[in-house]
């Protein structure tokens, strides 16, 4: 499978077809830091539309973090308190709200934007949204994540989705925030907020570690690209989009991510 977008020209290869070679790299690495998207690697979309944590994720992550010189981190657009409530693991690092909310043990480089300024801008945006009529339409919902504001469009009719997206975009621009798109939602985030910045900050506290990054979607493509320069193992979950992916390998779904985590733990235990 080939990447097709400019800058995404490499082949995305099935990870298990190269498992033996990769296992050697993982076992021989001085240390390893695994990064996993909560939203796209460790969760499944339930029938009612909400994300459900893969029930096997917690046990798999416990095994990984118990391996020799190995750490793990979970990344999400959600707040860290939500991730900690779902996973209940103390040895993990948590990166929430696109890198603005970071909690981890050990040394790291601080990468968060000015959270006080970000919170003030988001609150001004929330008040402006409450006054905009198109954002009150049935099926439209606004979620306050303290340092970001999410416009949920999933349950709205197409004309209402379009009008709400246009109105929200104008308000976001007026507050000088950045607009990010995801499946059936738009999100306003502070300028410079990025998963990859938080990831590099965590890696700075474990120099020389082999990064393994697993996720899917535009929020993670920058991280794939930047970590590839560090010879990381970058893994896309599911079939890449038509635009392609910067990831070098892929696994089919969240069940294969659980298999991947156990595989990493086994390789590190043999190190």
Protein backbone atom coordinates (compact mmCIF):
# COMPACT_ATOMS: atom_id res chain seq x y z
CA UNK A 1 0.00 0.00 0.00
CA UNK A 2 1.48 3.33 -1.08
CA UNK A 3 1.16 6.74 0.52
CA UNK A 4 -0.04 9.31 -2.00
CA UNK A 5 0.06 12.80 -0.47
CA UNK A 6 3.08 15.04 -1.08
CA UNK A 7 5.53 14.22 1.69
CA UNK A 8 3.89 10.85 2.31
CA UNK A 9 5.62 8.84 -0.38
CA UNK A 10 6.81 5.71 1.42
CA UNK A 11 5.12 2.34 1.59
CA UNK A 12 2.96 1.55 4.61
CA UNK A 13 3.75 -2.07 5.31
CA UNK A 14 1.90 -4.67 7.40
CA UNK A 15 3.82 -4.81 10.67
CA UNK A 16 3.51 -8.57 11.16
CA UNK A 17 5.19 -9.27 7.82
CA UNK A 18 8.40 -7.78 9.27
CA UNK A 19 7.93 -8.92 12.87
CA UNK A 20 11.19 -10.91 13.12
CA UNK A 21 13.38 -8.00 12.01
CA UNK A 22 11.54 -5.51 14.21
CA UNK A 23 11.69 -7.84 17.22
CA UNK A 24 15.48 -7.78 17.02
CA UNK A 25 15.52 -3.98 17.02
CA UNK A 26 13.18 -3.86 19.99
CA UNK A 27 15.11 -6.43 22.02
CA UNK A 28 18.48 -4.83 21.30
CA UNK A 29 17.38 -1.24 22.07
CA UNK A 30 18.87 0.17 25.27
CA UNK A 31 15.38 1.37 26.25
CA UNK A 32 11.92 1.72 24.70
CA UNK A 33 9.11 4.27 25.01
CA UNK A 34 5.72 3.24 23.64
CA UNK A 35 3.11 5.87 22.74
CA UNK A 36 -0.49 4.79 22.12
CA UNK A 37 -3.49 6.83 21.01
CA UNK A 38 -6.34 6.23 23.42
CA UNK A 39 -8.93 7.30 20.85
CA UNK A 40 -7.73 5.26 17.86
CA UNK A 41 -5.49 2.50 19.25
CA UNK A 42 -6.95 1.51 22.63
CA UNK A 43 -10.68 2.21 22.16
CA UNK A 44 -13.54 0.97 20.03
CA UNK A 45 -16.61 2.88 18.82
CA UNK A 46 -19.69 1.48 20.59
CA UNK A 47 -23.09 1.21 18.91
CA UNK A 48 -24.34 4.37 20.67
CA UNK A 49 -21.41 6.33 19.22
CA UNK A 50 -19.23 6.71 22.31
CA UNK A 51 -15.72 5.30 22.66
CA UNK A 52 -15.35 2.15 24.74
CA UNK A 53 -11.93 1.26 26.13
CA UNK A 54 -10.71 -2.09 24.83
CA UNK A 55 -11.08 -4.31 27.93
CA UNK A 56 -7.69 -5.94 27.26
CA UNK A 57 -5.79 -2.63 27.07
CA UNK A 58 -5.08 -2.25 30.78
CA UNK A 59 -3.54 -5.70 31.24
CA UNK A 60 -1.42 -5.30 28.11
CA UNK A 61 -0.06 -1.92 29.22
CA UNK A 62 0.75 -3.28 32.70
CA UNK A 63 2.91 -6.01 31.09
CA UNK A 64 4.66 -3.50 28.84
CA UNK A 65 5.52 -1.03 31.61
CA UNK A 66 6.86 -3.87 33.78
CA UNK A 67 9.44 -4.81 31.12
CA UNK A 68 13.11 -3.83 31.41
CA UNK A 69 13.83 -0.14 30.74
CA UNK A 70 10.44 0.33 29.10
CA UNK A 71 7.88 3.10 29.54
CA UNK A 72 4.46 3.74 28.08
CA UNK A 73 2.29 6.77 27.39
CA UNK A 74 -1.33 7.22 26.34
CA UNK A 75 -2.29 10.16 24.12
CA UNK A 76 -5.71 11.70 23.53
CA UNK A 77 -7.72 14.78 22.71
CA UNK A 78 -9.50 14.13 26.02
CA UNK A 79 -8.37 15.43 29.40
CA UNK A 80 -5.86 13.42 31.42
CA UNK A 81 -8.34 12.94 34.27
CA UNK A 82 -10.62 11.08 31.84
CA UNK A 83 -7.79 8.84 30.65
CA UNK A 84 -6.70 8.04 34.21
CA UNK A 85 -10.27 7.20 35.18
CA UNK A 86 -10.57 4.82 32.21
CA UNK A 87 -7.21 3.05 32.57
CA UNK A 88 -6.36 3.39 36.31
CA UNK A 89 -2.63 2.94 35.73
CA UNK A 90 -0.05 4.92 37.69
CA UNK A 91 3.07 3.89 35.77
CA UNK A 92 1.85 5.41 32.51
CA UNK A 93 2.50 8.89 31.20
CA UNK A 94 -0.66 10.68 30.07
CA UNK A 95 -0.88 13.29 27.32
CA UNK A 96 -4.29 14.94 26.91
CA UNK A 97 -5.95 17.79 25.01
CA UNK A 98 -3.52 17.65 22.09
CA UNK A 99 -0.45 17.97 24.30
CA UNK A 100 -1.63 20.78 26.59
CA UNK A 101 -2.39 18.45 29.50
CA UNK A 102 0.61 16.26 30.46
CA UNK A 103 1.14 14.12 33.55
CA UNK A 104 4.14 11.81 33.83
CA UNK A 105 6.62 10.50 36.36
CA UNK A 106 10.34 11.01 35.89
CA UNK A 107 12.15 13.74 34.00
CA UNK A 108 10.70 15.39 30.91
CA UNK A 109 10.99 18.60 28.95
CA UNK A 110 8.10 21.01 29.52
CA UNK A 111 6.25 21.50 26.21
CA UNK A 112 2.83 22.82 27.20
CA UNK A 113 1.67 26.26 26.01
CA UNK A 114 0.74 28.94 28.56
CA UNK A 115 -2.22 27.15 30.14
CA UNK A 116 -3.63 30.21 31.89
CA UNK A 117 -3.78 32.18 28.63
CA UNK A 118 -5.20 29.14 26.82
CA UNK A 119 -7.94 28.65 29.42
CA UNK A 120 -8.95 32.31 29.23
CA UNK A 121 -9.19 32.18 25.42
CA UNK A 122 -11.25 28.97 25.52
CA UNK A 123 -13.66 30.45 28.08
CA UNK A 124 -14.16 33.55 25.90
CA UNK A 125 -14.85 31.26 22.96
CA UNK A 126 -17.32 29.21 24.99
CA UNK A 127 -19.27 32.35 25.92
CA UNK A 128 -19.31 33.47 22.29
CA UNK A 129 -20.58 30.04 21.22
CA UNK A 130 -23.46 30.27 23.72
CA UNK A 131 -24.64 33.42 21.92
CA UNK A 132 -24.46 32.03 18.37
CA UNK A 133 -27.83 30.74 17.20
CA UNK A 134 -26.53 28.15 14.71
CA UNK A 135 -24.75 26.37 17.56
CA UNK A 136 -28.05 25.84 19.38
CA UNK A 137 -29.50 23.62 16.62
CA UNK A 138 -30.61 20.06 17.52
CA UNK A 139 -27.74 17.58 17.43
CA UNK A 140 -25.05 20.24 17.93
CA UNK A 141 -23.07 20.08 21.19
CA UNK A 142 -20.16 22.09 22.58
CA UNK A 143 -17.77 20.38 25.02
CA UNK A 144 -15.43 22.37 27.26
CA UNK A 145 -12.10 20.58 27.89
CA UNK A 146 -10.61 23.55 29.79
CA UNK A 147 -7.77 24.13 27.31
CA UNK A 148 -9.76 23.31 24.20
CA UNK A 149 -13.35 23.54 23.02
CA UNK A 150 -14.95 20.80 20.93
CA UNK A 151 -17.89 21.22 18.54
CA UNK A 152 -19.66 17.86 18.15
CA UNK A 153 -21.58 17.51 14.89
CA UNK A 154 -22.32 13.77 14.72
CA UNK A 155 -26.05 13.93 15.51
CA UNK A 156 -26.97 17.06 13.54
CA UNK A 157 -28.61 17.28 10.11
CA UNK A 158 -26.20 18.13 7.22
CA UNK A 159 -27.37 21.76 6.75
CA UNK A 160 -27.04 22.40 10.49
CA UNK A 161 -23.56 20.80 10.51
CA UNK A 162 -22.37 23.10 7.74
CA UNK A 163 -23.77 26.26 9.34
CA UNK A 164 -22.40 25.34 12.77
CA UNK A 165 -18.94 24.55 11.39
CA UNK A 166 -18.76 27.87 9.55
CA UNK A 167 -19.91 29.87 12.58
CA UNK A 168 -17.57 28.04 14.95
CA UNK A 169 -14.62 28.54 12.61
CA UNK A 170 -15.14 32.32 12.57
CA UNK A 171 -15.31 32.48 16.37
CA UNK A 172 -12.16 30.38 16.72
CA UNK A 173 -10.26 32.67 14.35
CA UNK A 174 -11.41 35.73 16.31
CA UNK A 175 -9.87 34.30 19.50
CA UNK A 176 -6.62 33.44 17.62
CA UNK A 177 -6.95 29.74 18.44
CA UNK A 178 -6.19 26.90 16.03
CA UNK A 179 -8.93 24.80 14.46
CA UNK A 180 -8.47 21.03 14.25
CA UNK A 181 -10.77 18.62 12.47
CA UNK A 182 -11.67 15.06 13.49
CA UNK A 183 -14.44 12.58 12.72
CA UNK A 184 -17.73 14.46 13.12
CA UNK A 185 -16.20 17.22 15.23
CA UNK A 186 -14.12 20.39 15.21
CA UNK A 187 -11.82 21.48 18.01
CA UNK A 188 -10.30 24.82 19.01
CA UNK A 189 -6.85 24.44 20.60
CA UNK A 190 -4.10 26.84 21.73
CA UNK A 191 -1.51 27.85 19.09
CA UNK A 192 1.41 25.44 19.08
CA UNK A 193 -0.41 22.64 20.92
CA UNK A 194 0.68 19.33 19.39
CA UNK A 195 1.01 15.70 20.38
CA UNK A 196 4.48 15.50 18.88
CA UNK A 197 5.81 18.28 21.12
CA UNK A 198 4.68 16.42 24.23
CA UNK A 199 6.14 13.17 22.89
CA UNK A 200 9.55 14.79 22.33
CA UNK A 201 9.35 16.23 25.84
CA UNK A 202 8.82 12.77 27.30
CA UNK A 203 11.60 11.28 25.18
CA UNK A 204 13.97 13.96 26.49
CA UNK A 205 13.62 12.32 29.91
CA UNK A 206 14.64 8.92 28.52
CA UNK A 207 17.42 9.72 26.09
CA UNK A 208 18.30 7.07 23.56
CA UNK A 209 14.98 5.26 23.88
CA UNK A 210 13.50 3.62 20.79
CA UNK A 211 10.10 5.30 20.22
CA UNK A 212 7.13 3.18 19.19
CA UNK A 213 4.14 5.33 18.21
CA UNK A 214 0.71 3.84 17.45
CA UNK A 215 -2.33 5.81 16.29
CA UNK A 216 -4.43 7.03 13.39
CA UNK A 217 -5.79 10.33 12.08
CA UNK A 218 -4.41 13.77 11.27
CA UNK A 219 -3.66 14.51 14.93
CA UNK A 220 -0.94 11.85 14.79
CA UNK A 221 0.48 12.34 11.29
CA UNK A 222 2.89 15.08 12.42
CA UNK A 223 4.18 12.77 15.15
CA UNK A 224 4.67 9.94 12.64
CA UNK A 225 6.69 12.25 10.38
CA UNK A 226 8.87 13.71 13.13
CA UNK A 227 9.54 10.39 14.88
CA UNK A 228 10.48 8.73 11.59
CA UNK A 229 13.52 11.02 11.61
CA UNK A 230 14.50 9.31 14.88
CA UNK A 231 14.19 5.83 13.36
CA UNK A 232 11.04 5.20 15.37
CA UNK A 233 8.58 2.37 14.79
CA UNK A 234 5.47 4.27 13.64
CA UNK A 235 2.29 2.25 13.30
CA UNK A 236 -1.03 3.27 11.72
CA UNK A 237 -4.16 1.57 13.06
CA UNK A 238 -6.53 0.51 10.29
CA UNK A 239 -6.31 1.21 6.58
CA UNK A 240 -4.61 4.57 5.87
CA UNK A 241 -6.79 7.35 4.40
CA UNK A 242 -6.70 8.18 0.69
CA UNK A 243 -4.25 10.99 1.44
CA UNK A 244 -1.87 8.35 2.80
CA UNK A 245 -0.01 8.20 6.10
CA UNK A 246 3.45 9.07 7.36
CA UNK A 247 3.49 5.84 9.39
CA UNK A 248 5.83 3.10 8.18
CA UNK A 249 3.80 0.11 9.35
CA UNK A 250 0.16 -0.71 9.97
CA UNK A 251 -2.01 -3.06 12.03
CA UNK A 252 -5.63 -3.80 11.24
CA UNK A 253 -7.53 -2.72 14.35
CA UNK A 254 -7.49 -2.20 18.12
CA UNK A 255 -7.38 -5.94 18.79
CA UNK A 256 -4.11 -6.07 16.85
CA UNK A 257 -2.85 -3.14 18.92
CA UNK A 258 -3.32 -5.26 22.05
CA UNK A 259 -1.42 -8.07 20.35
CA UNK A 260 1.29 -5.53 19.45
CA UNK A 261 1.65 -4.34 23.05
CA UNK A 262 2.06 -7.91 24.34
CA UNK A 263 4.56 -8.56 21.52
CA UNK A 264 6.58 -5.51 22.58
CA UNK A 265 6.52 -6.66 26.21
CA UNK A 266 7.74 -10.14 25.23
CA UNK A 267 10.59 -8.71 23.15
CA UNK A 268 11.70 -6.39 25.96
CA UNK A 269 11.59 -9.18 28.55
CA UNK A 270 14.08 -11.09 26.41
CA UNK A 271 16.34 -8.02 26.20
